[in-house]
């Protein structure tokens, strides 16, 4: 039996993802996406934070806040 961390073939490189409300869909297979705030790679199995409106992924709640502040500079 396979779980979500088992892969029949190794996937490398950056994935292309469509971010949805409460879920995401992989458009182009890959191992990770990049955080929009920090640029660090986020393994798909660890992806928890994203913006549907901006279609961006974030590595942590702190990265979400960092990106928000960047976009809303007064």
PDB file of N, CA and C in Angstrom:
ATOM      1  N   UNK A   1       0.843  -1.178   0.000  1.00  0.00           N
ATOM      2  CA  UNK A   1       0.000   0.000   0.000  1.00  0.00           C
ATOM      3  C   UNK A   1       0.889   1.242   0.000  1.00  0.00           C
ATOM      4  N   UNK A   2       0.543   2.198  -0.840  1.00  0.00           N
ATOM      5  CA  UNK A   2       1.310   3.438  -0.942  1.00  0.00           C
ATOM      6  C   UNK A   2       0.608   4.534  -0.166  1.00  0.00           C
ATOM      7  N   UNK A   3       1.408   5.402   0.424  1.00  0.00           N
ATOM      8  CA  UNK A   3       0.809   6.587   1.036  1.00  0.00           C
ATOM      9  C   UNK A   3       1.189   7.806   0.205  1.00  0.00           C
ATOM     10  N   UNK A   4       0.786   8.982   0.642  1.00  0.00           N
ATOM     11  CA  UNK A   4       1.000  10.180  -0.175  1.00  0.00           C
ATOM     12  C   UNK A   4       2.459  10.564  -0.324  1.00  0.00           C
ATOM     13  N   UNK A   5       3.341   9.979   0.469  1.00  0.00           N
ATOM     14  CA  UNK A   5       4.761  10.292   0.369  1.00  0.00           C
ATOM     15  C   UNK A   5       5.522   9.310  -0.498  1.00  0.00           C
ATOM     16  N   UNK A   6       4.898   8.205  -0.851  1.00  0.00           N
ATOM     17  CA  UNK A   6       5.534   7.236  -1.730  1.00  0.00           C
ATOM     18  C   UNK A   6       5.319   7.666  -3.169  1.00  0.00           C
ATOM     19  N   UNK A   7       6.360   7.497  -3.966  1.00  0.00           N
ATOM     20  CA  UNK A   7       6.258   7.867  -5.376  1.00  0.00           C
ATOM     21  C   UNK A   7       6.775   6.720  -6.215  1.00  0.00           C
ATOM     22  N   UNK A   8       6.023   6.373  -7.259  1.00  0.00           N
ATOM     23  CA  UNK A   8       6.447   5.295  -8.126  1.00  0.00           C
ATOM     24  C   UNK A   8       7.637   5.711  -8.984  1.00  0.00           C
ATOM     25  N   UNK A   9       7.714   6.982  -9.330  1.00  0.00           N
ATOM     26  CA  UNK A   9       8.877   7.486 -10.056  1.00  0.00           C
ATOM     27  C   UNK A   9       9.264   8.827  -9.445  1.00  0.00           C
ATOM     28  N   UNK A  10      10.555   9.088  -9.323  1.00  0.00           N
ATOM     29  CA  UNK A  10      10.965  10.344  -8.697  1.00  0.00           C
ATOM     30  C   UNK A  10      10.578  11.544  -9.550  1.00  0.00           C
ATOM     31  N   UNK A  11      10.085  12.593  -8.882  1.00  0.00           N
ATOM     32  CA  UNK A  11       9.744  13.832  -9.572  1.00  0.00           C
ATOM     33  C   UNK A  11      10.758  14.888  -9.151  1.00  0.00           C
ATOM     34  N   UNK A  12      11.286  15.551 -10.121  1.00  0.00           N
ATOM     35  CA  UNK A  12      12.256  16.608  -9.854  1.00  0.00           C
ATOM     36  C   UNK A  12      11.726  17.910 -10.410  1.00  0.00           C
ATOM     37  N   UNK A  13      12.306  18.989  -9.934  1.00  0.00           N
ATOM     38  CA  UNK A  13      11.983  20.293 -10.475  1.00  0.00           C
ATOM     39  C   UNK A  13      10.744  20.909  -9.866  1.00  0.00           C
ATOM     40  N   UNK A  14      10.454  22.089 -10.358  1.00  0.00           N
ATOM     41  CA  UNK A  14       9.345  22.883  -9.831  1.00  0.00           C
ATOM     42  C   UNK A  14       8.032  22.478 -10.492  1.00  0.00           C
ATOM     43  N   UNK A  15       7.015  22.316  -9.679  1.00  0.00           N
ATOM     44  CA  UNK A  15       5.682  21.987 -10.178  1.00  0.00           C
ATOM     45  C   UNK A  15       4.947  23.265 -10.555  1.00  0.00           C
ATOM     46  N   UNK A  16       3.983  23.134 -11.433  1.00  0.00           N
ATOM     47  CA  UNK A  16       3.050  24.232 -11.713  1.00  0.00           C
ATOM     48  C   UNK A  16       1.734  23.844 -11.062  1.00  0.00           C
ATOM     49  N   UNK A  17       1.212  24.745 -10.244  1.00  0.00           N
ATOM     50  CA  UNK A  17       0.047  24.429  -9.422  1.00  0.00           C
ATOM     51  C   UNK A  17      -1.042  25.475  -9.612  1.00  0.00           C
ATOM     52  N   UNK A  18      -2.290  25.023  -9.654  1.00  0.00           N
ATOM     53  CA  UNK A  18      -3.458  25.907  -9.653  1.00  0.00           C
ATOM     54  C   UNK A  18      -3.995  25.884  -8.234  1.00  0.00           C
ATOM     55  N   UNK A  19      -3.987  27.035  -7.563  1.00  0.00           N
ATOM     56  CA  UNK A  19      -4.418  27.129  -6.171  1.00  0.00           C
ATOM     57  C   UNK A  19      -5.920  27.377  -6.114  1.00  0.00           C
ATOM     58  N   UNK A  20      -6.613  26.530  -5.384  1.00  0.00           N
ATOM     59  CA  UNK A  20      -8.061  26.589  -5.250  1.00  0.00           C
ATOM     60  C   UNK A  20      -8.424  26.851  -3.798  1.00  0.00           C
ATOM     61  N   UNK A  21      -9.699  27.100  -3.526  1.00  0.00           N
ATOM     62  CA  UNK A  21     -10.164  27.279  -2.150  1.00  0.00           C
ATOM     63  C   UNK A  21     -10.047  25.957  -1.404  1.00  0.00           C
ATOM     64  N   UNK A  22      -9.126  25.884  -0.442  1.00  0.00           N
ATOM     65  CA  UNK A  22      -8.973  24.702   0.390  1.00  0.00           C
ATOM     66  C   UNK A  22      -8.258  23.538  -0.255  1.00  0.00           C
ATOM     67  N   UNK A  23      -7.773  23.702  -1.473  1.00  0.00           N
ATOM     68  CA  UNK A  23      -7.089  22.618  -2.171  1.00  0.00           C
ATOM     69  C   UNK A  23      -6.249  23.220  -3.290  1.00  0.00           C
ATOM     70  N   UNK A  24      -5.462  22.387  -3.937  1.00  0.00           N
ATOM     71  CA  UNK A  24      -4.723  22.827  -5.108  1.00  0.00           C
ATOM     72  C   UNK A  24      -4.666  21.685  -6.106  1.00  0.00           C
ATOM     73  N   UNK A  25      -4.440  22.024  -7.365  1.00  0.00           N
ATOM     74  CA  UNK A  25      -4.373  21.040  -8.433  1.00  0.00           C
ATOM     75  C   UNK A  25      -3.015  21.177  -9.122  1.00  0.00           C
ATOM     76  N   UNK A  26      -2.323  20.072  -9.290  1.00  0.00           N
ATOM     77  CA  UNK A  26      -1.023  20.076  -9.957  1.00  0.00           C
ATOM     78  C   UNK A  26      -1.265  20.085 -11.467  1.00  0.00           C
ATOM     79  N   UNK A  27      -0.794  21.141 -12.117  1.00  0.00           N
ATOM     80  CA  UNK A  27      -0.943  21.290 -13.564  1.00  0.00           C
ATOM     81  C   UNK A  27       0.240  20.639 -14.271  1.00  0.00           C
ATOM     82  N   UNK A  28       1.433  20.860 -13.742  1.00  0.00           N
ATOM     83  CA  UNK A  28       2.653  20.238 -14.273  1.00  0.00           C
ATOM     84  C   UNK A  28       3.370  19.580 -13.100  1.00  0.00           C
ATOM     85  N   UNK A  29       3.583  18.281 -13.154  1.00  0.00           N
ATOM     86  CA  UNK A  29       4.217  17.572 -12.031  1.00  0.00           C
ATOM     87  C   UNK A  29       5.603  18.117 -11.696  1.00  0.00           C
ATOM     88  N   UNK A  30       5.922  18.032 -10.431  1.00  0.00           N
ATOM     89  CA  UNK A  30       7.213  18.450  -9.918  1.00  0.00           C
ATOM     90  C   UNK A  30       7.283  18.126  -8.447  1.00  0.00           C
ATOM     91  N   UNK A  31       8.405  18.382  -7.842  1.00  0.00           N
ATOM     92  CA  UNK A  31       8.625  18.047  -6.442  1.00  0.00           C
ATOM     93  C   UNK A  31       8.262  19.189  -5.497  1.00  0.00           C
ATOM     94  N   UNK A  32       8.245  20.427  -6.001  1.00  0.00           N
ATOM     95  CA  UNK A  32       8.073  21.581  -5.116  1.00  0.00           C
ATOM     96  C   UNK A  32       7.488  22.769  -5.872  1.00  0.00           C
ATOM     97  N   UNK A  33       7.086  23.778  -5.086  1.00  0.00           N
ATOM     98  CA  UNK A  33       6.755  25.112  -5.607  1.00  0.00           C
ATOM     99  C   UNK A  33       7.604  26.101  -4.809  1.00  0.00           C
ATOM    100  N   UNK A  34       7.726  27.311  -5.294  1.00  0.00           N
ATOM    101  CA  UNK A  34       8.528  28.320  -4.592  1.00  0.00           C
ATOM    102  C   UNK A  34       7.642  29.271  -3.798  1.00  0.00           C
ATOM    103  N   UNK A  35       8.117  29.624  -2.624  1.00  0.00           N
ATOM    104  CA  UNK A  35       7.432  30.598  -1.787  1.00  0.00           C
ATOM    105  C   UNK A  35       7.528  31.973  -2.461  1.00  0.00           C
ATOM    106  N   UNK A  36       6.385  32.654  -2.602  1.00  0.00           N
ATOM    107  CA  UNK A  36       6.354  33.968  -3.250  1.00  0.00           C
ATOM    108  C   UNK A  36       7.055  35.037  -2.427  1.00  0.00           C
ATOM    109  N   UNK A  37       7.149  34.837  -1.112  1.00  0.00           N
ATOM    110  CA  UNK A  37       7.758  35.842  -0.239  1.00  0.00           C
ATOM    111  C   UNK A  37       9.262  35.634  -0.061  1.00  0.00           C
ATOM    112  N   UNK A  38       9.671  34.377   0.061  1.00  0.00           N
ATOM    113  CA  UNK A  38      11.071  34.099   0.387  1.00  0.00           C
ATOM    114  C   UNK A  38      11.852  33.424  -0.729  1.00  0.00           C
ATOM    115  N   UNK A  39      11.156  32.814  -1.668  1.00  0.00           N
ATOM    116  CA  UNK A  39      11.830  32.107  -2.754  1.00  0.00           C
ATOM    117  C   UNK A  39      12.277  30.700  -2.404  1.00  0.00           C
ATOM    118  N   UNK A  40      12.056  30.270  -1.174  1.00  0.00           N
ATOM    119  CA  UNK A  40      12.493  28.927  -0.787  1.00  0.00           C
ATOM    120  C   UNK A  40      11.572  27.873  -1.407  1.00  0.00           C
ATOM    121  N   UNK A  41      12.122  26.726  -1.770  1.00  0.00           N
ATOM    122  CA  UNK A  41      11.274  25.659  -2.303  1.00  0.00           C
ATOM    123  C   UNK A  41      10.418  25.036  -1.201  1.00  0.00           C
ATOM    124  N   UNK A  42       9.170  24.731  -1.545  1.00  0.00           N
ATOM    125  CA  UNK A  42       8.236  24.095  -0.620  1.00  0.00           C
ATOM    126  C   UNK A  42       7.850  22.752  -1.231  1.00  0.00           C
ATOM    127  N   UNK A  43       8.242  21.633  -0.626  1.00  0.00           N
ATOM    128  CA  UNK A  43       7.809  20.337  -1.151  1.00  0.00           C
ATOM    129  C   UNK A  43       6.277  20.282  -1.199  1.00  0.00           C
ATOM    130  N   UNK A  44       5.725  19.734  -2.254  1.00  0.00           N
ATOM    131  CA  UNK A  44       4.267  19.714  -2.408  1.00  0.00           C
ATOM    132  C   UNK A  44       3.569  19.056  -1.231  1.00  0.00           C
ATOM    133  N   UNK A  45       4.184  18.027  -0.651  1.00  0.00           N
ATOM    134  CA  UNK A  45       3.544  17.352   0.481  1.00  0.00           C
ATOM    135  C   UNK A  45       3.534  18.204   1.747  1.00  0.00           C
ATOM    136  N   UNK A  46       4.277  19.323   1.745  1.00  0.00           N
ATOM    137  CA  UNK A  46       4.300  20.233   2.895  1.00  0.00           C
ATOM    138  C   UNK A  46       3.573  21.553   2.625  1.00  0.00           C
ATOM    139  N   UNK A  47       2.996  21.706   1.441  1.00  0.00           N
ATOM    140  CA  UNK A  47       2.323  22.946   1.063  1.00  0.00           C
ATOM    141  C   UNK A  47       1.025  23.117   1.842  1.00  0.00           C
ATOM    142  N   UNK A  48       0.941  24.200   2.621  1.00  0.00           N
ATOM    143  CA  UNK A  48      -0.223  24.475   3.462  1.00  0.00           C
ATOM    144  C   UNK A  48      -0.800  25.867   3.259  1.00  0.00           C
ATOM    145  N   UNK A  49      -0.002  26.789   2.748  1.00  0.00           N
ATOM    146  CA  UNK A  49      -0.414  28.191   2.671  1.00  0.00           C
ATOM    147  C   UNK A  49      -0.289  28.698   1.239  1.00  0.00           C
ATOM    148  N   UNK A  50      -1.377  29.327   0.744  1.00  0.00           N
ATOM    149  CA  UNK A  50      -1.342  29.910  -0.591  1.00  0.00           C
ATOM    150  C   UNK A  50      -2.440  30.957  -0.727  1.00  0.00           C
ATOM    151  N   UNK A  51      -2.333  31.737  -1.789  1.00  0.00           N
ATOM    152  CA  UNK A  51      -3.344  32.740  -2.114  1.00  0.00           C
ATOM    153  C   UNK A  51      -4.035  32.330  -3.406  1.00  0.00           C
ATOM    154  N   UNK A  52      -5.351  32.169  -3.333  1.00  0.00           N
ATOM    155  CA  UNK A  52      -6.132  31.861  -4.527  1.00  0.00           C
ATOM    156  C   UNK A  52      -6.119  33.061  -5.464  1.00  0.00           C
ATOM    157  N   UNK A  53      -6.319  34.268  -4.913  1.00  0.00           N
ATOM    158  CA  UNK A  53      -6.377  35.476  -5.731  1.00  0.00           C
ATOM    159  C   UNK A  53      -5.068  35.750  -6.465  1.00  0.00           C
ATOM    160  N   UNK A  54      -3.953  35.586  -5.768  1.00  0.00           N
ATOM    161  CA  UNK A  54      -2.640  35.875  -6.360  1.00  0.00           C
ATOM    162  C   UNK A  54      -1.998  34.659  -7.017  1.00  0.00           C
ATOM    163  N   UNK A  55      -2.555  33.458  -6.755  1.00  0.00           N
ATOM    164  CA  UNK A  55      -1.997  32.209  -7.272  1.00  0.00           C
ATOM    165  C   UNK A  55      -0.524  32.081  -6.878  1.00  0.00           C
ATOM    166  N   UNK A  56      -0.276  32.234  -5.563  1.00  0.00           N
ATOM    167  CA  UNK A  56       1.067  32.157  -4.996  1.00  0.00           C
ATOM    168  C   UNK A  56       1.067  31.211  -3.809  1.00  0.00           C
ATOM    169  N   UNK A  57       2.203  30.572  -3.604  1.00  0.00           N
ATOM    170  CA  UNK A  57       2.402  29.696  -2.447  1.00  0.00           C
ATOM    171  C   UNK A  57       3.278  30.401  -1.420  1.00  0.00           C
ATOM    172  N   UNK A  58       3.114  29.990  -0.140  1.00  0.00           N
ATOM    173  CA  UNK A  58       3.905  30.566   0.946  1.00  0.00           C
ATOM    174  C   UNK A  58       4.412  29.448   1.847  1.00  0.00           C
ATOM    175  N   UNK A  59       5.619  29.603   2.345  1.00  0.00           N
ATOM    176  CA  UNK A  59       6.260  28.583   3.155  1.00  0.00           C
ATOM    177  C   UNK A  59       5.745  28.542   4.593  1.00  0.00           C
ATOM    178  N   UNK A  60       5.194  29.652   5.090  1.00  0.00           N
ATOM    179  CA  UNK A  60       4.795  29.726   6.499  1.00  0.00           C
ATOM    180  C   UNK A  60       3.827  30.897   6.681  1.00  0.00           C
ATOM    181  N   UNK A  61       3.163  30.957   7.839  1.00  0.00           N
ATOM    182  CA  UNK A  61       2.319  32.120   8.119  1.00  0.00           C
ATOM    183  C   UNK A  61       3.118  33.424   8.118  1.00  0.00           C
ATOM    184  N   UNK A  62       4.355  33.366   8.572  1.00  0.00           N
ATOM    185  CA  UNK A  62       5.218  34.556   8.563  1.00  0.00           C
ATOM    186  C   UNK A  62       5.470  35.031   7.131  1.00  0.00           C
ATOM    187  N   UNK A  63       5.619  34.086   6.209  1.00  0.00           N
ATOM    188  CA  UNK A  63       5.832  34.432   4.802  1.00  0.00           C
ATOM    189  C   UNK A  63       4.580  35.080   4.213  1.00  0.00           C
ATOM    190  N   UNK A  64       3.393  34.618   4.634  1.00  0.00           N
ATOM    191  CA  UNK A  64       2.140  35.238   4.192  1.00  0.00           C
ATOM    192  C   UNK A  64       2.115  36.705   4.621  1.00  0.00           C
ATOM    193  N   UNK A  65       2.435  36.956   5.884  1.00  0.00           N
ATOM    194  CA  UNK A  65       2.449  38.318   6.408  1.00  0.00           C
ATOM    195  C   UNK A  65       3.498  39.172   5.698  1.00  0.00           C
ATOM    196  N   UNK A  66       4.672  38.614   5.448  1.00  0.00           N
ATOM    197  CA  UNK A  66       5.733  39.328   4.742  1.00  0.00           C
ATOM    198  C   UNK A  66       5.254  39.755   3.353  1.00  0.00           C
ATOM    199  N   UNK A  67       4.603  38.845   2.649  1.00  0.00           N
ATOM    200  CA  UNK A  67       4.111  39.145   1.304  1.00  0.00           C
ATOM    201  C   UNK A  67       2.984  40.183   1.353  1.00  0.00           C
ATOM    202  N   UNK A  68       2.095  40.055   2.334  1.00  0.00           N
ATOM    203  CA  UNK A  68       1.009  41.022   2.499  1.00  0.00           C
ATOM    204  C   UNK A  68       1.572  42.431   2.701  1.00  0.00           C
ATOM    205  N   UNK A  69       2.548  42.531   3.573  1.00  0.00           N
ATOM    206  CA  UNK A  69       3.152  43.845   3.836  1.00  0.00           C
ATOM    207  C   UNK A  69       3.855  44.391   2.599  1.00  0.00           C
ATOM    208  N   UNK A  70       4.487  43.509   1.850  1.00  0.00           N
ATOM    209  CA  UNK A  70       5.167  43.917   0.616  1.00  0.00           C
ATOM    210  C   UNK A  70       4.167  44.473  -0.396  1.00  0.00           C
ATOM    211  N   UNK A  71       3.020  43.835  -0.500  1.00  0.00           N
ATOM    212  CA  UNK A  71       2.009  44.264  -1.473  1.00  0.00           C
ATOM    213  C   UNK A  71       1.213  45.488  -1.042  1.00  0.00           C
ATOM    214  N   UNK A  72       1.192  45.746   0.262  1.00  0.00           N
ATOM    215  CA  UNK A  72       0.365  46.845   0.790  1.00  0.00           C
ATOM    216  C   UNK A  72       1.190  47.940   1.460  1.00  0.00           C
ATOM    217  N   UNK A  73       2.347  48.221   0.907  1.00  0.00           N
ATOM    218  CA  UNK A  73       3.181  49.308   1.435  1.00  0.00           C
ATOM    219  C   UNK A  73       2.452  50.624   1.257  1.00  0.00           C
ATOM    220  N   UNK A  74       2.478  51.403   2.289  1.00  0.00           N
ATOM    221  CA  UNK A  74       1.779  52.708   2.231  1.00  0.00           C
ATOM    222  C   UNK A  74       2.710  53.800   1.804  1.00  0.00           C
TER     223      UNK A  74
END
